[in-house]
Amino acid sequence: MTQRRTLLKQFATTTFLNIALKKLFTGNSKLYLITDRPACLVGRAVSGENLQKITARAITAGIGIIQLREKNMTKKELYKEAAALRALTLNSGVTFIINDCVDIALAVDADGVHLGQEDLPVAEARKVLGKNKIIGISTHSLKQALDAERAGADYIGFGPIFRTATKNAGKPKGSKSLIEIKKHIKIPVVAIGGITIKNVSEVLENGADAVAVISGILIGDIEVNVKKFLFAVKQ
């Protein structure tokens, strides 16, 4: 009887998480913002704005998911930034993901973590975070995507779809590559790399469940950029 209750509890937890994940990349959450301080501060050196204020503007404009990805911060700086952004996202109902750092995601009670190919394995991250947190994995090939799904990732990031100066992640895959990925992958696929207002519709049409954007949102007028993207992803 005890074993049956345990199995039922596990089934209920898994079912709840699966439903939550299906809803994760709907509506405004089809637009996934990744932070980048250098991009944030382009043209804003004397404006007095910092990452928190800029992120708050994106939230006000309607962004659905935010990932804190800052490679040049110390752990202490990253923790402080994460704690501040967690408060912002919690108050506004925005999903908050931490890049790479499972310990900081746990410390600030983020909604999940996004891991790279060289980061902590999914199984180990799951032990730390528990079953109810989101774990995403960056992938650059069908094999990596399949491996991530088998390992228990909740979603994958796939790219770069187009050429991008933000991160050197290899040769662009092109939006058509998403068609093949979606044939084999059941978990959500977030397209990343060089996605702009001009090409976002084609990326979604080829199967992406959501699009991750950095400079396309952060450079220029953030509110206008977010609203333009949201209009496009909802078509």
Protein backbone atom coordinates (compact mmCIF):
# COMPACT_ATOMS: atom_id res chain seq x y z
CA MET A 1 0.00 0.00 0.00
CA THR A 2 2.84 2.36 0.87
CA GLN A 3 4.55 1.60 -2.42
CA ARG A 4 1.29 2.29 -4.28
CA ARG A 5 0.91 5.68 -2.56
CA THR A 6 4.51 6.53 -3.46
CA LEU A 7 3.93 5.61 -7.11
CA LEU A 8 0.72 7.64 -7.22
CA LYS A 9 2.49 10.62 -5.68
CA GLN A 10 5.33 10.36 -8.21
CA PHE A 11 2.82 10.09 -11.05
CA ALA A 12 0.90 13.14 -9.82
CA THR A 13 4.12 15.17 -9.50
CA THR A 14 5.29 14.17 -12.97
CA THR A 15 1.87 14.88 -14.49
CA PHE A 16 1.72 18.31 -12.83
CA LEU A 17 5.18 19.21 -14.10
CA ASN A 18 4.38 18.03 -17.64
CA ILE A 19 1.24 20.17 -17.70
CA ALA A 20 3.20 23.14 -16.34
CA LEU A 21 5.87 22.70 -19.01
CA LYS A 22 3.30 22.58 -21.80
CA LYS A 23 1.97 25.90 -20.52
CA LEU A 24 5.47 27.31 -20.01
CA PHE A 25 6.00 28.26 -23.64
CA THR A 26 2.61 29.74 -24.43
CA GLY A 27 1.44 33.33 -24.79
CA ASN A 28 4.05 35.86 -23.69
CA SER A 29 6.28 33.02 -22.54
CA LYS A 30 7.08 32.15 -26.14
CA LEU A 31 9.48 35.08 -25.82
CA TYR A 32 12.48 34.19 -23.63
CA LEU A 33 14.85 37.00 -22.65
CA ILE A 34 18.47 36.22 -21.79
CA THR A 35 20.30 38.97 -19.93
CA ASP A 36 23.64 40.32 -21.07
CA ARG A 37 25.11 43.35 -19.32
CA PRO A 38 27.24 44.56 -22.28
CA ALA A 39 24.16 44.51 -24.53
CA CYS A 40 22.05 46.11 -21.78
CA LEU A 41 24.41 49.04 -21.42
CA VAL A 42 24.84 49.87 -25.11
CA GLY A 43 23.85 53.54 -25.36
CA ARG A 44 23.00 53.66 -21.66
CA ALA A 45 26.37 54.43 -20.10
CA VAL A 46 25.17 57.76 -18.72
CA SER A 47 21.48 56.93 -18.27
CA GLY A 48 21.84 55.59 -14.73
CA GLU A 49 20.12 52.34 -15.67
CA ASN A 50 21.42 49.02 -14.41
CA LEU A 51 20.52 45.41 -15.17
CA GLN A 52 17.69 45.38 -12.64
CA LYS A 53 16.05 48.52 -14.02
CA ILE A 54 16.41 47.31 -17.58
CA THR A 55 14.98 43.90 -16.70
CA ALA A 56 12.08 45.61 -14.94
CA ARG A 57 11.33 47.50 -18.16
CA ALA A 58 11.23 44.22 -20.10
CA ILE A 59 8.85 42.76 -17.52
CA THR A 60 6.58 45.80 -17.70
CA ALA A 61 6.51 45.42 -21.49
CA GLY A 62 5.25 41.85 -21.10
CA ILE A 63 8.22 39.48 -21.25
CA GLY A 64 7.26 35.97 -20.02
CA ILE A 65 10.57 34.27 -19.21
CA ILE A 66 13.93 35.69 -18.13
CA GLN A 67 17.24 33.89 -17.86
CA LEU A 68 20.03 35.52 -15.86
CA ARG A 69 23.17 34.81 -17.87
CA GLU A 70 26.17 36.87 -16.80
CA LYS A 71 29.58 35.32 -17.44
CA ASN A 72 31.70 38.15 -16.04
CA MET A 73 30.29 38.44 -12.52
CA THR A 74 31.76 36.97 -9.37
CA LYS A 75 29.58 34.44 -7.57
CA LYS A 76 28.78 37.04 -4.93
CA GLU A 77 27.76 39.62 -7.55
CA LEU A 78 25.72 37.02 -9.40
CA TYR A 79 23.92 35.98 -6.22
CA LYS A 80 22.99 39.60 -5.42
CA GLU A 81 21.73 40.17 -8.96
CA ALA A 82 19.82 36.88 -8.91
CA ALA A 83 18.15 37.71 -5.59
CA ALA A 84 17.04 41.10 -6.90
CA LEU A 85 15.71 39.69 -10.18
CA ARG A 86 13.98 36.85 -8.34
CA ALA A 87 12.02 39.43 -6.36
CA LEU A 88 11.09 41.28 -9.56
CA THR A 89 9.99 38.14 -11.40
CA LEU A 90 8.14 36.68 -8.43
CA ASN A 91 6.09 39.82 -7.98
CA SER A 92 5.15 39.89 -11.67
CA GLY A 93 4.63 36.17 -12.30
CA VAL A 94 7.52 35.92 -14.77
CA THR A 95 9.41 32.62 -14.98
CA PHE A 96 13.00 33.06 -13.76
CA ILE A 97 15.87 30.82 -14.89
CA ILE A 98 19.53 30.95 -13.81
CA ASN A 99 22.24 30.10 -16.31
CA ASP A 100 24.75 27.40 -15.25
CA CYS A 101 24.77 27.99 -11.48
CA VAL A 102 22.61 25.36 -9.77
CA ASP A 103 23.68 26.56 -6.33
CA ILE A 104 22.51 30.12 -6.97
CA ALA A 105 19.25 28.89 -8.53
CA LEU A 106 18.62 26.94 -5.33
CA ALA A 107 19.67 29.81 -3.06
CA VAL A 108 17.25 32.33 -4.59
CA ASP A 109 14.51 29.76 -5.31
CA ALA A 110 14.57 30.40 -9.05
CA ASP A 111 12.08 28.51 -11.21
CA GLY A 112 14.90 26.57 -12.77
CA VAL A 113 18.35 26.43 -14.29
CA HIS A 114 19.74 26.35 -17.82
CA LEU A 115 22.83 24.21 -18.31
CA GLY A 116 25.48 24.05 -21.03
CA GLN A 117 27.10 20.96 -22.46
CA GLU A 118 30.04 21.26 -20.05
CA ASP A 119 27.98 22.00 -16.94
CA LEU A 120 26.61 19.76 -14.19
CA PRO A 121 24.77 16.69 -15.62
CA VAL A 122 20.98 16.87 -15.57
CA ALA A 123 20.66 13.99 -13.10
CA GLU A 124 22.94 15.72 -10.59
CA ALA A 125 21.20 19.08 -11.04
CA ARG A 126 17.88 17.32 -10.44
CA LYS A 127 19.19 15.88 -7.15
CA VAL A 128 20.00 19.39 -5.98
CA LEU A 129 16.94 21.23 -7.28
CA GLY A 130 14.27 18.56 -6.90
CA LYS A 131 11.56 17.40 -9.30
CA ASN A 132 9.56 20.61 -9.43
CA LYS A 133 12.22 22.86 -10.92
CA ILE A 134 12.79 23.44 -14.63
CA ILE A 135 16.05 22.24 -16.20
CA GLY A 136 16.99 23.33 -19.72
CA ILE A 137 20.02 22.29 -21.75
CA SER A 138 21.87 24.08 -24.55
CA THR A 139 22.24 21.83 -27.60
CA HIS A 140 23.84 22.27 -31.01
CA SER A 141 23.07 18.97 -32.75
CA LEU A 142 20.39 16.31 -32.94
CA LYS A 143 22.53 13.93 -30.87
CA GLN A 144 22.93 16.49 -28.08
CA ALA A 145 19.20 17.20 -28.20
CA LEU A 146 18.34 13.49 -27.92
CA ASP A 147 20.87 13.02 -25.11
CA ALA A 148 19.37 15.97 -23.21
CA GLU A 149 15.85 14.58 -23.53
CA ARG A 150 16.93 11.10 -22.40
CA ALA A 151 18.78 12.63 -19.44
CA GLY A 152 15.57 14.25 -18.21
CA ALA A 153 15.84 17.84 -19.43
CA ASP A 154 12.53 19.72 -19.40
CA TYR A 155 13.37 21.69 -22.53
CA ILE A 156 16.31 22.28 -24.85
CA GLY A 157 17.82 25.43 -26.26
CA PHE A 158 18.87 24.77 -29.86
CA GLY A 159 21.13 26.85 -32.08
CA PRO A 160 22.63 29.04 -33.15
CA ILE A 161 19.87 29.33 -35.72
CA PHE A 162 21.46 32.37 -37.35
CA ARG A 163 24.81 34.11 -37.05
CA THR A 164 25.22 35.99 -33.79
CA ALA A 165 27.92 38.12 -32.18
CA THR A 166 26.64 37.48 -28.65
CA LYS A 167 28.07 34.00 -28.30
CA ASN A 168 30.37 31.82 -30.40
CA ALA A 169 28.42 28.56 -30.59
CA GLY A 170 29.50 27.32 -33.99
CA LYS A 171 28.12 27.44 -37.51
CA PRO A 172 24.52 28.67 -37.84
CA LYS A 173 22.02 25.82 -38.25
CA GLY A 174 19.35 27.72 -40.18
CA SER A 175 15.67 27.73 -39.27
CA LYS A 176 14.95 24.58 -41.33
CA SER A 177 17.07 22.56 -38.86
CA LEU A 178 14.24 22.94 -36.36
CA ILE A 179 11.99 20.78 -38.53
CA GLU A 180 14.33 17.79 -38.09
CA ILE A 181 14.82 18.44 -34.38
CA LYS A 182 11.07 18.53 -33.78
CA LYS A 183 10.63 15.21 -35.58
CA HIS A 184 12.68 13.51 -32.87
CA ILE A 185 12.28 15.65 -29.75
CA LYS A 186 9.11 15.66 -27.64
CA ILE A 187 10.17 18.21 -25.02
CA PRO A 188 9.91 21.93 -25.87
CA VAL A 189 12.56 23.45 -28.15
CA VAL A 190 13.71 27.04 -27.60
CA ALA A 191 15.47 28.46 -30.65
CA ILE A 192 18.41 30.79 -30.05
CA GLY A 193 20.98 32.70 -32.04
CA GLY A 194 20.55 35.78 -34.21
CA ILE A 195 16.77 35.89 -33.87
CA THR A 196 15.28 39.23 -34.89
CA ILE A 197 11.88 40.75 -35.58
CA LYS A 198 12.45 39.98 -39.27
CA ASN A 199 13.11 36.23 -38.88
CA VAL A 200 11.20 35.25 -35.72
CA SER A 201 8.06 34.20 -37.62
CA GLU A 202 10.00 31.78 -39.83
CA VAL A 203 11.69 30.27 -36.74
CA LEU A 204 8.34 29.60 -35.10
CA GLU A 205 6.80 28.30 -38.33
CA ASN A 206 9.59 25.73 -38.55
CA GLY A 207 8.71 24.30 -35.15
CA ALA A 208 10.32 26.27 -32.33
CA ASP A 209 8.16 26.35 -29.19
CA ALA A 210 9.77 29.61 -28.09
CA VAL A 211 12.56 31.99 -29.07
CA ALA A 212 15.42 33.18 -26.88
CA VAL A 213 16.55 36.72 -27.62
CA ILE A 214 19.36 38.87 -26.25
CA SER A 215 20.47 41.88 -28.32
CA GLY A 216 17.22 41.96 -30.31
CA ILE A 217 15.51 43.08 -27.11
CA LEU A 218 18.24 44.73 -25.07
CA ILE A 219 19.74 47.04 -27.69
CA GLY A 220 17.53 50.04 -28.39
CA ASP A 221 14.11 50.74 -26.94
CA ILE A 222 13.37 47.71 -24.76
CA GLU A 223 9.64 48.28 -24.41
CA VAL A 224 9.19 48.73 -28.15
CA ASN A 225 11.38 45.70 -28.92
CA VAL A 226 9.48 43.43 -26.53
CA LYS A 227 6.09 44.53 -27.86
CA LYS A 228 7.18 43.96 -31.47
CA PHE A 229 8.44 40.47 -30.65
CA LEU A 230 5.30 39.61 -28.68
CA PHE A 231 3.12 40.71 -31.57
CA ALA A 232 5.13 38.48 -33.92
CA VAL A 233 5.18 35.36 -31.71
CA LYS A 234 1.44 35.50 -31.15
CA GLN A 235 0.56 35.52 -34.86
